[in-house]
N, C-alpha and C. Protein backbone atom coordinates (compact mmCIF):
# COMPACT_ATOMS: atom_id res chain seq x y z
N MET A 1 -13.34 -3.12 -18.20
CA MET A 1 -12.12 -2.43 -17.84
C MET A 1 -11.11 -3.44 -17.29
N VAL A 2 -9.91 -3.39 -17.80
CA VAL A 2 -8.84 -4.28 -17.35
C VAL A 2 -8.27 -3.71 -16.06
N PRO A 3 -8.16 -4.55 -15.01
CA PRO A 3 -7.64 -4.06 -13.74
C PRO A 3 -6.16 -3.72 -13.86
N SER A 4 -5.69 -2.81 -13.02
CA SER A 4 -4.27 -2.49 -13.03
C SER A 4 -3.52 -3.49 -12.16
N TYR A 5 -2.28 -3.69 -12.46
CA TYR A 5 -1.44 -4.65 -11.77
C TYR A 5 -0.82 -3.98 -10.56
N ASP A 6 -0.91 -4.61 -9.41
CA ASP A 6 -0.31 -4.09 -8.19
C ASP A 6 1.16 -4.46 -8.17
N ILE A 7 2.02 -3.46 -8.22
CA ILE A 7 3.45 -3.71 -8.31
C ILE A 7 4.02 -4.40 -7.08
N ALA A 8 3.32 -4.36 -5.95
CA ALA A 8 3.79 -5.01 -4.73
C ALA A 8 3.74 -6.53 -4.86
N ASN A 9 2.92 -7.05 -5.73
CA ASN A 9 2.84 -8.49 -5.95
C ASN A 9 3.65 -8.86 -7.18
N SER A 10 4.31 -10.01 -7.13
CA SER A 10 5.09 -10.43 -8.29
C SER A 10 4.24 -11.19 -9.30
N TYR A 11 3.06 -11.64 -8.88
CA TYR A 11 2.15 -12.32 -9.79
C TYR A 11 0.74 -12.21 -9.24
N LYS A 12 -0.23 -12.42 -10.11
CA LYS A 12 -1.64 -12.29 -9.73
C LYS A 12 -2.46 -13.28 -10.53
N ASN A 13 -3.39 -13.94 -9.85
CA ASN A 13 -4.34 -14.82 -10.53
C ASN A 13 -5.52 -13.96 -10.98
N ILE A 14 -5.61 -13.70 -12.25
CA ILE A 14 -6.65 -12.83 -12.81
C ILE A 14 -8.04 -13.42 -12.60
N MET A 15 -8.11 -14.74 -12.48
CA MET A 15 -9.41 -15.38 -12.25
C MET A 15 -10.02 -14.89 -10.92
N GLU A 16 -9.19 -14.57 -9.94
CA GLU A 16 -9.71 -14.04 -8.67
C GLU A 16 -10.46 -12.73 -8.88
N ILE A 17 -9.92 -11.87 -9.71
CA ILE A 17 -10.55 -10.58 -10.01
C ILE A 17 -11.89 -10.81 -10.70
N LEU A 18 -11.89 -11.70 -11.68
CA LEU A 18 -13.11 -11.96 -12.44
C LEU A 18 -14.19 -12.60 -11.57
N VAL A 19 -13.80 -13.49 -10.67
CA VAL A 19 -14.77 -14.11 -9.76
C VAL A 19 -15.35 -13.06 -8.82
N ASP A 20 -14.51 -12.19 -8.27
CA ASP A 20 -15.01 -11.11 -7.41
C ASP A 20 -15.99 -10.21 -8.15
N GLU A 21 -15.67 -9.87 -9.39
CA GLU A 21 -16.57 -9.06 -10.20
C GLU A 21 -17.90 -9.77 -10.43
N GLU A 22 -17.84 -11.07 -10.68
CA GLU A 22 -19.07 -11.83 -10.94
C GLU A 22 -19.91 -11.98 -9.67
N ILE A 23 -19.27 -12.14 -8.53
CA ILE A 23 -20.02 -12.18 -7.26
C ILE A 23 -20.76 -10.86 -7.08
N ASP A 24 -20.08 -9.74 -7.33
CA ASP A 24 -20.72 -8.42 -7.26
C ASP A 24 -21.93 -8.36 -8.19
N GLN A 25 -21.74 -8.83 -9.42
CA GLN A 25 -22.80 -8.78 -10.43
C GLN A 25 -24.01 -9.60 -10.01
N GLN A 26 -23.76 -10.81 -9.50
CA GLN A 26 -24.87 -11.70 -9.17
C GLN A 26 -25.57 -11.33 -7.85
N THR A 27 -24.93 -10.53 -7.02
CA THR A 27 -25.53 -10.18 -5.73
C THR A 27 -25.95 -8.72 -5.63
N CYS A 28 -25.77 -7.95 -6.69
CA CYS A 28 -26.03 -6.51 -6.61
C CYS A 28 -27.49 -6.16 -6.31
N ASP A 29 -28.42 -7.05 -6.64
CA ASP A 29 -29.84 -6.78 -6.38
C ASP A 29 -30.34 -7.42 -5.09
N TRP A 30 -29.44 -8.05 -4.35
CA TRP A 30 -29.85 -8.68 -3.09
C TRP A 30 -30.13 -7.62 -2.03
N SER A 31 -30.97 -7.97 -1.08
CA SER A 31 -31.20 -7.09 0.06
C SER A 31 -29.94 -7.08 0.93
N LEU A 32 -29.81 -6.07 1.77
CA LEU A 32 -28.67 -5.96 2.67
C LEU A 32 -28.61 -7.19 3.59
N GLU A 33 -29.76 -7.60 4.09
CA GLU A 33 -29.82 -8.75 4.99
C GLU A 33 -29.34 -10.02 4.29
N GLU A 34 -29.80 -10.24 3.08
CA GLU A 34 -29.41 -11.42 2.33
C GLU A 34 -27.90 -11.40 2.03
N ALA A 35 -27.39 -10.25 1.65
CA ALA A 35 -25.97 -10.11 1.33
C ALA A 35 -25.10 -10.36 2.56
N GLN A 36 -25.55 -9.93 3.73
CA GLN A 36 -24.77 -10.11 4.95
C GLN A 36 -24.76 -11.55 5.43
N GLN A 37 -25.68 -12.36 4.96
CA GLN A 37 -25.75 -13.75 5.37
C GLN A 37 -24.80 -14.65 4.57
N ILE A 38 -24.22 -14.12 3.53
CA ILE A 38 -23.33 -14.90 2.67
C ILE A 38 -21.88 -14.55 2.98
N ASN A 39 -21.04 -15.55 3.08
CA ASN A 39 -19.61 -15.35 3.26
C ASN A 39 -18.97 -15.31 1.87
N ARG A 40 -18.67 -14.10 1.41
CA ARG A 40 -18.13 -13.90 0.06
C ARG A 40 -16.82 -14.64 -0.15
N ILE A 41 -16.02 -14.75 0.89
CA ILE A 41 -14.74 -15.44 0.76
C ILE A 41 -14.97 -16.92 0.46
N GLU A 42 -15.94 -17.51 1.14
CA GLU A 42 -16.27 -18.91 0.88
C GLU A 42 -16.81 -19.09 -0.53
N VAL A 43 -17.63 -18.14 -0.97
CA VAL A 43 -18.17 -18.20 -2.34
C VAL A 43 -17.03 -18.14 -3.35
N ALA A 44 -16.13 -17.18 -3.17
CA ALA A 44 -15.00 -17.04 -4.10
C ALA A 44 -14.13 -18.28 -4.10
N ALA A 45 -13.80 -18.81 -2.93
CA ALA A 45 -12.95 -20.00 -2.85
C ALA A 45 -13.62 -21.18 -3.54
N HIS A 46 -14.91 -21.35 -3.30
CA HIS A 46 -15.66 -22.46 -3.94
C HIS A 46 -15.62 -22.30 -5.46
N ALA A 47 -15.91 -21.11 -5.95
CA ALA A 47 -15.92 -20.88 -7.41
C ALA A 47 -14.53 -21.09 -8.00
N LEU A 48 -13.51 -20.54 -7.34
CA LEU A 48 -12.15 -20.64 -7.87
C LEU A 48 -11.66 -22.09 -7.92
N ASN A 49 -12.15 -22.92 -7.03
CA ASN A 49 -11.78 -24.33 -7.06
C ASN A 49 -12.36 -25.07 -8.26
N HIS A 50 -13.27 -24.42 -8.97
CA HIS A 50 -13.89 -25.02 -10.15
C HIS A 50 -13.48 -24.31 -11.45
N LEU A 51 -12.48 -23.46 -11.36
CA LEU A 51 -12.02 -22.71 -12.53
C LEU A 51 -10.50 -22.81 -12.65
N PRO A 52 -9.98 -22.67 -13.87
CA PRO A 52 -8.52 -22.72 -14.02
C PRO A 52 -7.89 -21.40 -13.57
N PRO A 53 -6.69 -21.46 -13.04
CA PRO A 53 -5.99 -20.22 -12.69
C PRO A 53 -5.49 -19.54 -13.96
N LEU A 54 -5.43 -18.23 -13.93
CA LEU A 54 -4.89 -17.45 -15.04
C LEU A 54 -3.91 -16.42 -14.46
N TYR A 55 -2.68 -16.84 -14.26
CA TYR A 55 -1.69 -15.99 -13.62
C TYR A 55 -1.03 -15.03 -14.61
N ALA A 56 -0.67 -13.88 -14.08
CA ALA A 56 0.07 -12.88 -14.85
C ALA A 56 1.16 -12.31 -13.95
N SER A 57 2.27 -11.90 -14.57
CA SER A 57 3.38 -11.34 -13.80
C SER A 57 3.78 -9.95 -14.29
N SER A 58 2.96 -9.37 -15.16
CA SER A 58 3.21 -8.02 -15.66
C SER A 58 1.88 -7.38 -16.04
N GLN A 59 1.88 -6.08 -16.25
CA GLN A 59 0.65 -5.41 -16.66
C GLN A 59 0.19 -5.94 -18.01
N GLU A 60 1.12 -6.21 -18.90
CA GLU A 60 0.76 -6.77 -20.21
C GLU A 60 0.14 -8.16 -20.04
N GLY A 61 0.70 -8.93 -19.13
CA GLY A 61 0.14 -10.25 -18.85
C GLY A 61 -1.25 -10.17 -18.26
N VAL A 62 -1.46 -9.18 -17.39
CA VAL A 62 -2.79 -8.98 -16.81
C VAL A 62 -3.79 -8.70 -17.93
N THR A 63 -3.43 -7.81 -18.84
CA THR A 63 -4.31 -7.46 -19.95
C THR A 63 -4.62 -8.69 -20.81
N LEU A 64 -3.59 -9.45 -21.14
CA LEU A 64 -3.79 -10.64 -21.97
C LEU A 64 -4.67 -11.68 -21.27
N GLN A 65 -4.39 -11.95 -20.01
CA GLN A 65 -5.17 -12.96 -19.28
C GLN A 65 -6.60 -12.50 -19.06
N TYR A 66 -6.79 -11.22 -18.79
CA TYR A 66 -8.13 -10.67 -18.59
C TYR A 66 -8.94 -10.83 -19.88
N GLU A 67 -8.33 -10.47 -21.02
CA GLU A 67 -9.01 -10.61 -22.31
C GLU A 67 -9.28 -12.08 -22.63
N ARG A 68 -8.32 -12.94 -22.32
CA ARG A 68 -8.50 -14.38 -22.56
C ARG A 68 -9.68 -14.91 -21.74
N ALA A 69 -9.74 -14.51 -20.49
CA ALA A 69 -10.83 -14.97 -19.61
C ALA A 69 -12.17 -14.46 -20.12
N GLN A 70 -12.22 -13.22 -20.58
CA GLN A 70 -13.46 -12.66 -21.11
C GLN A 70 -13.93 -13.45 -22.33
N GLN A 71 -12.99 -13.89 -23.15
CA GLN A 71 -13.35 -14.63 -24.37
C GLN A 71 -13.65 -16.10 -24.12
N ASP A 72 -12.84 -16.73 -23.26
CA ASP A 72 -12.90 -18.19 -23.14
C ASP A 72 -13.62 -18.72 -21.90
N TYR A 73 -13.75 -17.91 -20.86
CA TYR A 73 -14.23 -18.45 -19.59
C TYR A 73 -15.42 -17.72 -18.98
N LEU A 74 -15.99 -16.76 -19.67
CA LEU A 74 -17.06 -15.95 -19.08
C LEU A 74 -18.24 -16.80 -18.61
N GLN A 75 -18.70 -17.74 -19.42
CA GLN A 75 -19.83 -18.58 -19.03
C GLN A 75 -19.45 -19.51 -17.88
N LYS A 76 -18.24 -20.04 -17.91
CA LYS A 76 -17.79 -20.92 -16.83
C LYS A 76 -17.69 -20.15 -15.50
N ILE A 77 -17.25 -18.90 -15.56
CA ILE A 77 -17.17 -18.07 -14.36
C ILE A 77 -18.56 -17.81 -13.81
N THR A 78 -19.48 -17.45 -14.69
CA THR A 78 -20.87 -17.19 -14.28
C THR A 78 -21.46 -18.42 -13.61
N THR A 79 -21.28 -19.57 -14.21
CA THR A 79 -21.81 -20.81 -13.66
C THR A 79 -21.14 -21.18 -12.34
N ALA A 80 -19.83 -21.06 -12.27
CA ALA A 80 -19.10 -21.41 -11.05
C ALA A 80 -19.54 -20.53 -9.88
N VAL A 81 -19.74 -19.24 -10.12
CA VAL A 81 -20.17 -18.33 -9.06
C VAL A 81 -21.61 -18.63 -8.66
N SER A 82 -22.46 -18.87 -9.62
CA SER A 82 -23.85 -19.21 -9.33
C SER A 82 -23.93 -20.48 -8.49
N ASP A 83 -23.18 -21.50 -8.88
CA ASP A 83 -23.15 -22.74 -8.12
C ASP A 83 -22.58 -22.53 -6.72
N ALA A 84 -21.54 -21.70 -6.62
CA ALA A 84 -20.92 -21.43 -5.32
C ALA A 84 -21.88 -20.69 -4.40
N LEU A 85 -22.61 -19.72 -4.93
CA LEU A 85 -23.59 -19.00 -4.12
C LEU A 85 -24.65 -19.95 -3.59
N ALA A 86 -25.12 -20.84 -4.44
CA ALA A 86 -26.13 -21.81 -4.03
C ALA A 86 -25.58 -22.76 -2.96
N ALA A 87 -24.35 -23.21 -3.14
CA ALA A 87 -23.75 -24.13 -2.18
C ALA A 87 -23.52 -23.46 -0.83
N VAL A 88 -23.01 -22.25 -0.84
CA VAL A 88 -22.71 -21.55 0.41
C VAL A 88 -24.00 -21.17 1.14
N LYS A 89 -25.05 -20.87 0.39
CA LYS A 89 -26.34 -20.57 1.03
C LYS A 89 -26.87 -21.77 1.80
N GLN A 90 -26.55 -22.97 1.35
CA GLN A 90 -27.05 -24.21 1.96
C GLN A 90 -26.37 -24.51 3.29
N ILE A 91 -25.16 -23.98 3.46
CA ILE A 91 -24.37 -24.29 4.65
C ILE A 91 -24.46 -23.14 5.64
N PRO A 92 -25.00 -23.37 6.83
CA PRO A 92 -25.06 -22.29 7.80
C PRO A 92 -23.65 -21.85 8.19
N TRP A 93 -23.41 -20.55 8.15
CA TRP A 93 -22.09 -20.03 8.45
C TRP A 93 -21.89 -19.98 9.95
N LYS A 94 -20.86 -20.63 10.43
CA LYS A 94 -20.57 -20.67 11.86
C LYS A 94 -19.35 -19.85 12.20
N GLY A 95 -18.88 -19.10 11.22
CA GLY A 95 -17.68 -18.31 11.43
C GLY A 95 -16.46 -19.10 11.05
N SER A 96 -15.37 -18.41 10.88
CA SER A 96 -14.11 -19.06 10.54
C SER A 96 -12.97 -18.14 10.94
N THR A 97 -11.79 -18.69 10.99
CA THR A 97 -10.61 -17.90 11.33
C THR A 97 -9.92 -17.49 10.04
N PRO A 98 -9.93 -16.20 9.73
CA PRO A 98 -9.30 -15.76 8.48
C PRO A 98 -7.77 -15.89 8.56
N PHE A 99 -7.14 -15.92 7.40
CA PHE A 99 -5.68 -15.94 7.35
C PHE A 99 -5.14 -14.65 7.94
N ASP A 100 -3.98 -14.74 8.58
CA ASP A 100 -3.26 -13.57 9.05
C ASP A 100 -2.43 -13.08 7.88
N VAL A 101 -2.72 -11.88 7.37
CA VAL A 101 -2.08 -11.40 6.14
C VAL A 101 -0.85 -10.54 6.39
N ARG A 102 -0.30 -10.61 7.55
CA ARG A 102 0.92 -9.84 7.83
C ARG A 102 2.08 -10.29 7.04
């Protein structure tokens, strides 16, 4: 399913959506305890740093970039998320200060 474009944003990196979906896919069978020990934001940031951005500025662009990513980058996304999960598991989480999104 192609995600809908949020009109409040003027552009969106579709790779972020795909990475979030892949994190969900790879962790769906984890226990609650195991899932709570992982910082998903760190996993996503790590994976995204190893993938190309795919920006879109319209719903049509979202559809095109989503389809392009499904065709050209699916294996790279799977590998990047798997590697990111392994890397983040190795580093004990000491907390962090999230961005202020106001």
